[in-house]
């Protein structure tokens, strides 16, 4: 059995094309806005395999860092300082893509 491809030509005015694109974008944005906002912590797709031993090791490391720097608040950065440092490094091309 032979299949023949049917070809159709559709002509649109620039205004009609713009309207079609705008409608598609509105539909996509509306769908995105209906999705509940979740943090990365709530997104189970970020989860790796169950690794209780590894989790305990990470926790122990974090607690050691907290213990080491607890009396030196100048060693800590707030979120805004951290973001500013990242922005500066990105602008300088220091971050890999």
PDB file of N, CA and C in Angstrom:
ATOM      1  N   UNK A   1       0.840  -1.168   0.000  1.00  0.00           N
ATOM      2  CA  UNK A   1       0.000   0.000   0.000  1.00  0.00           C
ATOM      3  C   UNK A   1       0.892   1.240   0.000  1.00  0.00           C
ATOM      4  N   UNK A   2       0.599   2.149  -0.859  1.00  0.00           N
ATOM      5  CA  UNK A   2       1.376   3.367  -0.994  1.00  0.00           C
ATOM      6  C   UNK A   2       0.684   4.507  -0.250  1.00  0.00           C
ATOM      7  N   UNK A   3       1.480   5.289   0.466  1.00  0.00           N
ATOM      8  CA  UNK A   3       0.904   6.463   1.142  1.00  0.00           C
ATOM      9  C   UNK A   3       1.412   7.709   0.448  1.00  0.00           C
ATOM     10  N   UNK A   4       0.516   8.611   0.227  1.00  0.00           N
ATOM     11  CA  UNK A   4       0.849   9.866  -0.412  1.00  0.00           C
ATOM     12  C   UNK A   4       0.681  10.981   0.602  1.00  0.00           C
ATOM     13  N   UNK A   5       1.700  11.804   0.743  1.00  0.00           N
ATOM     14  CA  UNK A   5       1.627  12.921   1.664  1.00  0.00           C
ATOM     15  C   UNK A   5       0.775  14.018   1.049  1.00  0.00           C
ATOM     16  N   UNK A   6      -0.156  14.483   1.827  1.00  0.00           N
ATOM     17  CA  UNK A   6      -1.009  15.574   1.370  1.00  0.00           C
ATOM     18  C   UNK A   6      -0.401  16.872   1.877  1.00  0.00           C
ATOM     19  N   UNK A   7      -0.247  17.802   1.003  1.00  0.00           N
ATOM     20  CA  UNK A   7       0.348  19.074   1.365  1.00  0.00           C
ATOM     21  C   UNK A   7      -0.708  20.156   1.262  1.00  0.00           C
ATOM     22  N   UNK A   8      -0.754  21.001   2.303  1.00  0.00           N
ATOM     23  CA  UNK A   8      -1.721  22.088   2.330  1.00  0.00           C
ATOM     24  C   UNK A   8      -0.984  23.393   2.562  1.00  0.00           C
ATOM     25  N   UNK A   9      -1.357  24.397   1.865  1.00  0.00           N
ATOM     26  CA  UNK A   9      -0.782  25.716   2.058  1.00  0.00           C
ATOM     27  C   UNK A   9      -1.834  26.603   2.710  1.00  0.00           C
ATOM     28  N   UNK A  10      -1.441  27.238   3.795  1.00  0.00           N
ATOM     29  CA  UNK A  10      -2.351  28.141   4.505  1.00  0.00           C
ATOM     30  C   UNK A  10      -1.738  29.528   4.484  1.00  0.00           C
ATOM     31  N   UNK A  11      -2.495  30.481   4.049  1.00  0.00           N
ATOM     32  CA  UNK A  11      -2.024  31.860   4.012  1.00  0.00           C
ATOM     33  C   UNK A  11      -2.609  32.617   5.186  1.00  0.00           C
ATOM     34  N   UNK A  12      -1.756  33.336   5.882  1.00  0.00           N
ATOM     35  CA  UNK A  12      -2.188  34.156   7.014  1.00  0.00           C
ATOM     36  C   UNK A  12      -1.641  35.555   6.845  1.00  0.00           C
ATOM     37  N   UNK A  13      -2.445  36.504   7.226  1.00  0.00           N
ATOM     38  CA  UNK A  13      -1.947  37.872   7.242  1.00  0.00           C
ATOM     39  C   UNK A  13      -1.015  38.007   8.441  1.00  0.00           C
ATOM     40  N   UNK A  14      -0.128  38.973   8.433  1.00  0.00           N
ATOM     41  CA  UNK A  14       0.735  39.181   9.602  1.00  0.00           C
ATOM     42  C   UNK A  14      -0.076  39.372  10.890  1.00  0.00           C
ATOM     43  N   UNK A  15      -1.204  40.051  10.789  1.00  0.00           N
ATOM     44  CA  UNK A  15      -2.043  40.270  11.967  1.00  0.00           C
ATOM     45  C   UNK A  15      -2.640  38.959  12.471  1.00  0.00           C
ATOM     46  N   UNK A  16      -3.086  38.100  11.552  1.00  0.00           N
ATOM     47  CA  UNK A  16      -3.659  36.815  11.946  1.00  0.00           C
ATOM     48  C   UNK A  16      -2.585  35.915  12.561  1.00  0.00           C
ATOM     49  N   UNK A  17      -1.371  35.938  12.004  1.00  0.00           N
ATOM     50  CA  UNK A  17      -0.273  35.156  12.563  1.00  0.00           C
ATOM     51  C   UNK A  17       0.067  35.650  13.972  1.00  0.00           C
ATOM     52  N   UNK A  18       0.113  36.963  14.129  1.00  0.00           N
ATOM     53  CA  UNK A  18       0.390  37.530  15.449  1.00  0.00           C
ATOM     54  C   UNK A  18      -0.694  37.127  16.443  1.00  0.00           C
ATOM     55  N   UNK A  19      -1.937  37.174  16.028  1.00  0.00           N
ATOM     56  CA  UNK A  19      -3.042  36.783  16.902  1.00  0.00           C
ATOM     57  C   UNK A  19      -2.941  35.310  17.281  1.00  0.00           C
ATOM     58  N   UNK A  20      -2.576  34.465  16.329  1.00  0.00           N
ATOM     59  CA  UNK A  20      -2.412  33.035  16.592  1.00  0.00           C
ATOM     60  C   UNK A  20      -1.287  32.785  17.601  1.00  0.00           C
ATOM     61  N   UNK A  21      -0.174  33.461  17.427  1.00  0.00           N
ATOM     62  CA  UNK A  21       0.958  33.319  18.349  1.00  0.00           C
ATOM     63  C   UNK A  21       0.582  33.826  19.736  1.00  0.00           C
ATOM     64  N   UNK A  22      -0.080  34.976  19.802  1.00  0.00           N
ATOM     65  CA  UNK A  22      -0.499  35.515  21.096  1.00  0.00           C
ATOM     66  C   UNK A  22      -1.451  34.557  21.815  1.00  0.00           C
ATOM     67  N   UNK A  23      -2.370  33.953  21.072  1.00  0.00           N
ATOM     68  CA  UNK A  23      -3.311  33.018  21.679  1.00  0.00           C
ATOM     69  C   UNK A  23      -2.583  31.786  22.214  1.00  0.00           C
ATOM     70  N   UNK A  24      -1.624  31.289  21.447  1.00  0.00           N
ATOM     71  CA  UNK A  24      -0.853  30.122  21.903  1.00  0.00           C
ATOM     72  C   UNK A  24      -0.075  30.452  23.167  1.00  0.00           C
ATOM     73  N   UNK A  25       0.538  31.639  23.213  1.00  0.00           N
ATOM     74  CA  UNK A  25       1.263  32.053  24.417  1.00  0.00           C
ATOM     75  C   UNK A  25       0.329  32.217  25.605  1.00  0.00           C
ATOM     76  N   UNK A  26      -0.833  32.827  25.379  1.00  0.00           N
ATOM     77  CA  UNK A  26      -1.810  32.980  26.471  1.00  0.00           C
ATOM     78  C   UNK A  26      -2.229  31.626  27.024  1.00  0.00           C
ATOM     79  N   UNK A  27      -2.476  30.676  26.122  1.00  0.00           N
ATOM     80  CA  UNK A  27      -2.878  29.335  26.554  1.00  0.00           C
ATOM     81  C   UNK A  27      -1.774  28.673  27.382  1.00  0.00           C
ATOM     82  N   UNK A  28      -0.524  28.787  26.932  1.00  0.00           N
ATOM     83  CA  UNK A  28       0.597  28.191  27.660  1.00  0.00           C
ATOM     84  C   UNK A  28       0.771  28.846  29.027  1.00  0.00           C
ATOM     85  N   UNK A  29       0.705  30.182  29.065  1.00  0.00           N
ATOM     86  CA  UNK A  29       0.851  30.888  30.342  1.00  0.00           C
ATOM     87  C   UNK A  29      -0.291  30.559  31.295  1.00  0.00           C
ATOM     88  N   UNK A  30      -1.495  30.470  30.773  1.00  0.00           N
ATOM     89  CA  UNK A  30      -2.639  30.128  31.620  1.00  0.00           C
ATOM     90  C   UNK A  30      -2.455  28.738  32.216  1.00  0.00           C
ATOM     91  N   UNK A  31      -1.943  27.809  31.421  1.00  0.00           N
ATOM     92  CA  UNK A  31      -1.702  26.458  31.930  1.00  0.00           C
ATOM     93  C   UNK A  31      -0.629  26.482  33.015  1.00  0.00           C
ATOM     94  N   UNK A  32       0.436  27.234  32.794  1.00  0.00           N
ATOM     95  CA  UNK A  32       1.496  27.334  33.804  1.00  0.00           C
ATOM     96  C   UNK A  32       0.992  27.973  35.090  1.00  0.00           C
ATOM     97  N   UNK A  33       0.150  28.975  34.961  1.00  0.00           N
ATOM     98  CA  UNK A  33      -0.360  29.666  36.146  1.00  0.00           C
ATOM     99  C   UNK A  33      -1.325  28.803  36.951  1.00  0.00           C
ATOM    100  N   UNK A  34      -1.940  27.817  36.307  1.00  0.00           N
ATOM    101  CA  UNK A  34      -2.833  26.917  37.033  1.00  0.00           C
ATOM    102  C   UNK A  34      -2.061  25.896  37.861  1.00  0.00           C
ATOM    103  N   UNK A  35      -0.787  25.692  37.527  1.00  0.00           N
ATOM    104  CA  UNK A  35       0.028  24.734  38.271  1.00  0.00           C
ATOM    105  C   UNK A  35       0.372  25.327  39.641  1.00  0.00           C
ATOM    106  N   UNK A  36       0.296  24.520  40.686  1.00  0.00           N
ATOM    107  CA  UNK A  36       0.656  25.048  42.002  1.00  0.00           C
ATOM    108  C   UNK A  36       2.150  25.338  42.074  1.00  0.00           C
ATOM    109  N   UNK A  37       2.476  26.428  42.752  1.00  0.00           N
ATOM    110  CA  UNK A  37       3.880  26.770  42.933  1.00  0.00           C
ATOM    111  C   UNK A  37       4.466  25.884  44.015  1.00  0.00           C
ATOM    112  N   UNK A  38       5.597  25.332  43.727  1.00  0.00           N
ATOM    113  CA  UNK A  38       6.261  24.473  44.699  1.00  0.00           C
ATOM    114  C   UNK A  38       7.728  24.868  44.763  1.00  0.00           C
ATOM    115  N   UNK A  39       8.286  24.664  45.909  1.00  0.00           N
ATOM    116  CA  UNK A  39       9.715  24.913  46.027  1.00  0.00           C
ATOM    117  C   UNK A  39      10.464  23.682  45.546  1.00  0.00           C
ATOM    118  N   UNK A  40      11.744  23.839  45.331  1.00  0.00           N
ATOM    119  CA  UNK A  40      12.555  22.708  44.893  1.00  0.00           C
ATOM    120  C   UNK A  40      12.544  21.617  45.948  1.00  0.00           C
ATOM    121  N   UNK A  41      12.348  21.990  47.203  1.00  0.00           N
ATOM    122  CA  UNK A  41      12.313  20.997  48.272  1.00  0.00           C
ATOM    123  C   UNK A  41      11.081  20.112  48.183  1.00  0.00           C
ATOM    124  N   UNK A  42      10.003  20.626  47.610  1.00  0.00           N
ATOM    125  CA  UNK A  42       8.767  19.856  47.489  1.00  0.00           C
ATOM    126  C   UNK A  42       8.697  19.064  46.197  1.00  0.00           C
ATOM    127  N   UNK A  43       9.595  19.312  45.280  1.00  0.00           N
ATOM    128  CA  UNK A  43       9.576  18.657  43.976  1.00  0.00           C
ATOM    129  C   UNK A  43      10.271  17.305  44.078  1.00  0.00           C
ATOM    130  N   UNK A  44       9.497  16.241  44.087  1.00  0.00           N
ATOM    131  CA  UNK A  44      10.039  14.899  44.259  1.00  0.00           C
ATOM    132  C   UNK A  44      10.906  14.460  43.084  1.00  0.00           C
ATOM    133  N   UNK A  45      10.829  15.166  41.961  1.00  0.00           N
ATOM    134  CA  UNK A  45      11.692  14.815  40.835  1.00  0.00           C
ATOM    135  C   UNK A  45      13.155  15.107  41.164  1.00  0.00           C
ATOM    136  N   UNK A  46      13.406  15.935  42.193  1.00  0.00           N
ATOM    137  CA  UNK A  46      14.765  16.270  42.598  1.00  0.00           C
ATOM    138  C   UNK A  46      15.384  15.192  43.483  1.00  0.00           C
ATOM    139  N   UNK A  47      14.564  14.256  43.925  1.00  0.00           N
ATOM    140  CA  UNK A  47      15.034  13.225  44.846  1.00  0.00           C
ATOM    141  C   UNK A  47      15.921  12.214  44.129  1.00  0.00           C
ATOM    142  N   UNK A  48      16.967  11.828  44.802  1.00  0.00           N
ATOM    143  CA  UNK A  48      17.815  10.751  44.304  1.00  0.00           C
ATOM    144  C   UNK A  48      17.384   9.448  44.959  1.00  0.00           C
ATOM    145  N   UNK A  49      18.192   8.432  44.809  1.00  0.00           N
ATOM    146  CA  UNK A  49      17.855   7.152  45.435  1.00  0.00           C
ATOM    147  C   UNK A  49      17.935   7.259  46.962  1.00  0.00           C
ATOM    148  N   UNK A  50      17.222   6.391  47.634  1.00  0.00           N
ATOM    149  CA  UNK A  50      17.276   6.350  49.097  1.00  0.00           C
ATOM    150  C   UNK A  50      18.700   6.005  49.518  1.00  0.00           C
ATOM    151  N   UNK A  51      19.253   6.840  50.379  1.00  0.00           N
ATOM    152  CA  UNK A  51      20.627   6.626  50.840  1.00  0.00           C
ATOM    153  C   UNK A  51      20.753   7.133  52.268  1.00  0.00           C
ATOM    154  N   UNK A  52      20.204   6.394  53.240  1.00  0.00           N
ATOM    155  CA  UNK A  52      20.256   6.851  54.631  1.00  0.00           C
ATOM    156  C   UNK A  52      21.678   7.101  55.130  1.00  0.00           C
ATOM    157  N   UNK A  53      22.633   6.265  54.742  1.00  0.00           N
ATOM    158  CA  UNK A  53      24.016   6.457  55.190  1.00  0.00           C
ATOM    159  C   UNK A  53      24.590   7.756  54.624  1.00  0.00           C
ATOM    160  N   UNK A  54      24.327   8.004  53.347  1.00  0.00           N
ATOM    161  CA  UNK A  54      24.788   9.258  52.732  1.00  0.00           C
ATOM    162  C   UNK A  54      24.113  10.470  53.341  1.00  0.00           C
ATOM    163  N   UNK A  55      22.814  10.338  53.636  1.00  0.00           N
ATOM    164  CA  UNK A  55      22.083  11.434  54.286  1.00  0.00           C
ATOM    165  C   UNK A  55      22.689  11.755  55.644  1.00  0.00           C
ATOM    166  N   UNK A  56      23.041  10.715  56.399  1.00  0.00           N
ATOM    167  CA  UNK A  56      23.648  10.924  57.713  1.00  0.00           C
ATOM    168  C   UNK A  56      25.015  11.598  57.587  1.00  0.00           C
ATOM    169  N   UNK A  57      25.771  11.231  56.561  1.00  0.00           N
ATOM    170  CA  UNK A  57      27.073  11.849  56.331  1.00  0.00           C
ATOM    171  C   UNK A  57      26.923  13.331  55.998  1.00  0.00           C
ATOM    172  N   UNK A  58      25.963  13.657  55.122  1.00  0.00           N
ATOM    173  CA  UNK A  58      25.718  15.063  54.792  1.00  0.00           C
ATOM    174  C   UNK A  58      25.276  15.858  56.018  1.00  0.00           C
ATOM    175  N   UNK A  59      24.399  15.266  56.815  1.00  0.00           N
ATOM    176  CA  UNK A  59      23.941  15.929  58.035  1.00  0.00           C
ATOM    177  C   UNK A  59      25.099  16.160  58.990  1.00  0.00           C
ATOM    178  N   UNK A  60      25.957  15.154  59.172  1.00  0.00           N
ATOM    179  CA  UNK A  60      27.111  15.299  60.059  1.00  0.00           C
ATOM    180  C   UNK A  60      28.040  16.410  59.569  1.00  0.00           C
ATOM    181  N   UNK A  61      28.260  16.477  58.239  1.00  0.00           N
ATOM    182  CA  UNK A  61      29.101  17.536  57.674  1.00  0.00           C
ATOM    183  C   UNK A  61      28.494  18.906  57.919  1.00  0.00           C
ATOM    184  N   UNK A  62      27.185  19.033  57.701  1.00  0.00           N
ATOM    185  CA  UNK A  62      26.512  20.321  57.910  1.00  0.00           C
ATOM    186  C   UNK A  62      26.585  20.738  59.364  1.00  0.00           C
ATOM    187  N   UNK A  63      26.365  19.802  60.268  1.00  0.00           N
ATOM    188  CA  UNK A  63      26.440  20.130  61.694  1.00  0.00           C
ATOM    189  C   UNK A  63      27.857  20.520  62.103  1.00  0.00           C
ATOM    190  N   UNK A  64      28.862  19.888  61.508  1.00  0.00           N
ATOM    191  CA  UNK A  64      30.254  20.250  61.805  1.00  0.00           C
ATOM    192  C   UNK A  64      30.549  21.677  61.348  1.00  0.00           C
ATOM    193  N   UNK A  65      30.050  22.049  60.171  1.00  0.00           N
ATOM    194  CA  UNK A  65      30.255  23.419  59.684  1.00  0.00           C
ATOM    195  C   UNK A  65      29.555  24.413  60.605  1.00  0.00           C
ATOM    196  N   UNK A  66      28.323  24.097  60.988  1.00  0.00           N
ATOM    197  CA  UNK A  66      27.603  24.982  61.920  1.00  0.00           C
ATOM    198  C   UNK A  66      28.375  25.133  63.229  1.00  0.00           C
ATOM    199  N   UNK A  67      28.875  24.054  63.749  1.00  0.00           N
ATOM    200  CA  UNK A  67      29.632  24.088  64.998  1.00  0.00           C
ATOM    201  C   UNK A  67      30.908  24.915  64.834  1.00  0.00           C
ATOM    202  N   UNK A  68      31.587  24.725  63.714  1.00  0.00           N
ATOM    203  CA  UNK A  68      32.861  25.414  63.468  1.00  0.00           C
ATOM    204  C   UNK A  68      32.677  26.928  63.385  1.00  0.00           C
ATOM    205  N   UNK A  69      31.581  27.388  62.767  1.00  0.00           N
ATOM    206  CA  UNK A  69      31.406  28.819  62.514  1.00  0.00           C
ATOM    207  C   UNK A  69      30.356  29.474  63.402  1.00  0.00           C
ATOM    208  N   UNK A  70      29.854  28.780  64.416  1.00  0.00           N
ATOM    209  CA  UNK A  70      28.754  29.328  65.207  1.00  0.00           C
ATOM    210  C   UNK A  70      29.127  30.616  65.920  1.00  0.00           C
ATOM    211  N   UNK A  71      30.385  30.773  66.300  1.00  0.00           N
ATOM    212  CA  UNK A  71      30.817  31.969  67.022  1.00  0.00           C
ATOM    213  C   UNK A  71      31.374  33.038  66.092  1.00  0.00           C
ATOM    214  N   UNK A  72      31.241  32.846  64.789  1.00  0.00           N
ATOM    215  CA  UNK A  72      31.771  33.806  63.814  1.00  0.00           C
ATOM    216  C   UNK A  72      30.678  34.190  62.823  1.00  0.00           C
ATOM    217  N   UNK A  73      29.744  35.026  63.220  1.00  0.00           N
ATOM    218  CA  UNK A  73      28.649  35.381  62.302  1.00  0.00           C
ATOM    219  C   UNK A  73      29.127  36.074  61.030  1.00  0.00           C
ATOM    220  N   UNK A  74      30.309  36.666  61.063  1.00  0.00           N
ATOM    221  CA  UNK A  74      30.825  37.330  59.857  1.00  0.00           C
ATOM    222  C   UNK A  74      31.173  36.313  58.766  1.00  0.00           C
ATOM    223  N   UNK A  75      31.282  35.035  59.126  1.00  0.00           N
ATOM    224  CA  UNK A  75      31.596  33.998  58.155  1.00  0.00           C
ATOM    225  C   UNK A  75      30.368  33.574  57.353  1.00  0.00           C
ATOM    226  N   UNK A  76      29.197  34.003  57.777  1.00  0.00           N
ATOM    227  CA  UNK A  76      27.955  33.612  57.116  1.00  0.00           C
ATOM    228  C   UNK A  76      27.494  34.704  56.166  1.00  0.00           C
ATOM    229  N   UNK A  77      26.748  34.326  55.144  1.00  0.00           N
ATOM    230  CA  UNK A  77      26.161  35.274  54.201  1.00  0.00           C
ATOM    231  C   UNK A  77      24.659  35.123  54.249  1.00  0.00           C
ATOM    232  N   UNK A  78      23.961  36.243  54.096  1.00  0.00           N
ATOM    233  CA  UNK A  78      22.513  36.118  53.955  1.00  0.00           C
ATOM    234  C   UNK A  78      22.211  35.843  52.481  1.00  0.00           C
ATOM    235  N   UNK A  79      20.957  35.536  52.199  1.00  0.00           N
ATOM    236  CA  UNK A  79      20.570  35.140  50.839  1.00  0.00           C
ATOM    237  C   UNK A  79      20.856  36.233  49.823  1.00  0.00           C
ATOM    238  N   UNK A  80      20.589  37.486  50.182  1.00  0.00           N
ATOM    239  CA  UNK A  80      20.810  38.586  49.239  1.00  0.00           C
ATOM    240  C   UNK A  80      22.296  38.720  48.892  1.00  0.00           C
ATOM    241  N   UNK A  81      23.168  38.564  49.878  1.00  0.00           N
ATOM    242  CA  UNK A  81      24.608  38.631  49.617  1.00  0.00           C
ATOM    243  C   UNK A  81      25.048  37.478  48.712  1.00  0.00           C
ATOM    244  N   UNK A  82      24.498  36.307  48.968  1.00  0.00           N
ATOM    245  CA  UNK A  82      24.831  35.144  48.163  1.00  0.00           C
ATOM    246  C   UNK A  82      24.409  35.343  46.710  1.00  0.00           C
ATOM    247  N   UNK A  83      23.179  35.833  46.509  1.00  0.00           N
ATOM    248  CA  UNK A  83      22.699  36.075  45.146  1.00  0.00           C
ATOM    249  C   UNK A  83      23.535  37.140  44.448  1.00  0.00           C
ATOM    250  N   UNK A  84      23.902  38.196  45.178  1.00  0.00           N
ATOM    251  CA  UNK A  84      24.730  39.255  44.583  1.00  0.00           C
ATOM    252  C   UNK A  84      26.084  38.703  44.157  1.00  0.00           C
ATOM    253  N   UNK A  85      26.661  37.823  44.968  1.00  0.00           N
ATOM    254  CA  UNK A  85      27.940  37.209  44.623  1.00  0.00           C
ATOM    255  C   UNK A  85      27.802  36.326  43.385  1.00  0.00           C
ATOM    256  N   UNK A  86      26.711  35.569  43.302  1.00  0.00           N
ATOM    257  CA  UNK A  86      26.474  34.744  42.111  1.00  0.00           C
ATOM    258  C   UNK A  86      26.304  35.614  40.861  1.00  0.00           C
ATOM    259  N   UNK A  87      25.532  36.704  40.989  1.00  0.00           N
ATOM    260  CA  UNK A  87      25.330  37.607  39.843  1.00  0.00           C
ATOM    261  C   UNK A  87      26.657  38.182  39.368  1.00  0.00           C
ATOM    262  N   UNK A  88      27.508  38.564  40.313  1.00  0.00           N
ATOM    263  CA  UNK A  88      28.810  39.143  39.971  1.00  0.00           C
ATOM    264  C   UNK A  88      29.677  38.101  39.254  1.00  0.00           C
ATOM    265  N   UNK A  89      29.690  36.871  39.774  1.00  0.00           N
ATOM    266  CA  UNK A  89      30.486  35.809  39.145  1.00  0.00           C
ATOM    267  C   UNK A  89      29.959  35.485  37.757  1.00  0.00           C
ATOM    268  N   UNK A  90      28.634  35.487  37.602  1.00  0.00           N
ATOM    269  CA  UNK A  90      28.051  35.218  36.285  1.00  0.00           C
ATOM    270  C   UNK A  90      28.406  36.317  35.292  1.00  0.00           C
ATOM    271  N   UNK A  91      28.325  37.572  35.738  1.00  0.00           N
ATOM    272  CA  UNK A  91      28.646  38.693  34.857  1.00  0.00           C
ATOM    273  C   UNK A  91      30.115  38.657  34.445  1.00  0.00           C
ATOM    274  N   UNK A  92      30.971  38.145  35.321  1.00  0.00           N
ATOM    275  CA  UNK A  92      32.399  38.061  35.009  1.00  0.00           C
ATOM    276  C   UNK A  92      32.743  36.810  34.203  1.00  0.00           C
ATOM    277  N   UNK A  93      31.724  35.983  33.921  1.00  0.00           N
ATOM    278  CA  UNK A  93      31.954  34.773  33.136  1.00  0.00           C
ATOM    279  C   UNK A  93      32.658  33.683  33.914  1.00  0.00           C
ATOM    280  N   UNK A  94      32.540  33.711  35.237  1.00  0.00           N
ATOM    281  CA  UNK A  94      33.245  32.746  36.074  1.00  0.00           C
ATOM    282  C   UNK A  94      32.428  31.471  36.328  1.00  0.00           C
ATOM    283  N   UNK A  95      31.166  31.454  35.915  1.00  0.00           N
ATOM    284  CA  UNK A  95      30.332  30.277  36.154  1.00  0.00           C
ATOM    285  C   UNK A  95      30.255  29.436  34.886  1.00  0.00           C
ATOM    286  N   UNK A  96      30.411  28.109  35.033  1.00  0.00           N
ATOM    287  CA  UNK A  96      30.269  27.259  33.848  1.00  0.00           C
ATOM    288  C   UNK A  96      28.802  27.184  33.442  1.00  0.00           C
ATOM    289  N   UNK A  97      28.557  26.969  32.188  1.00  0.00           N
ATOM    290  CA  UNK A  97      27.180  26.867  31.697  1.00  0.00           C
ATOM    291  C   UNK A  97      26.802  25.444  31.523  1.00  0.00           C
TER     292      UNK A  97
END
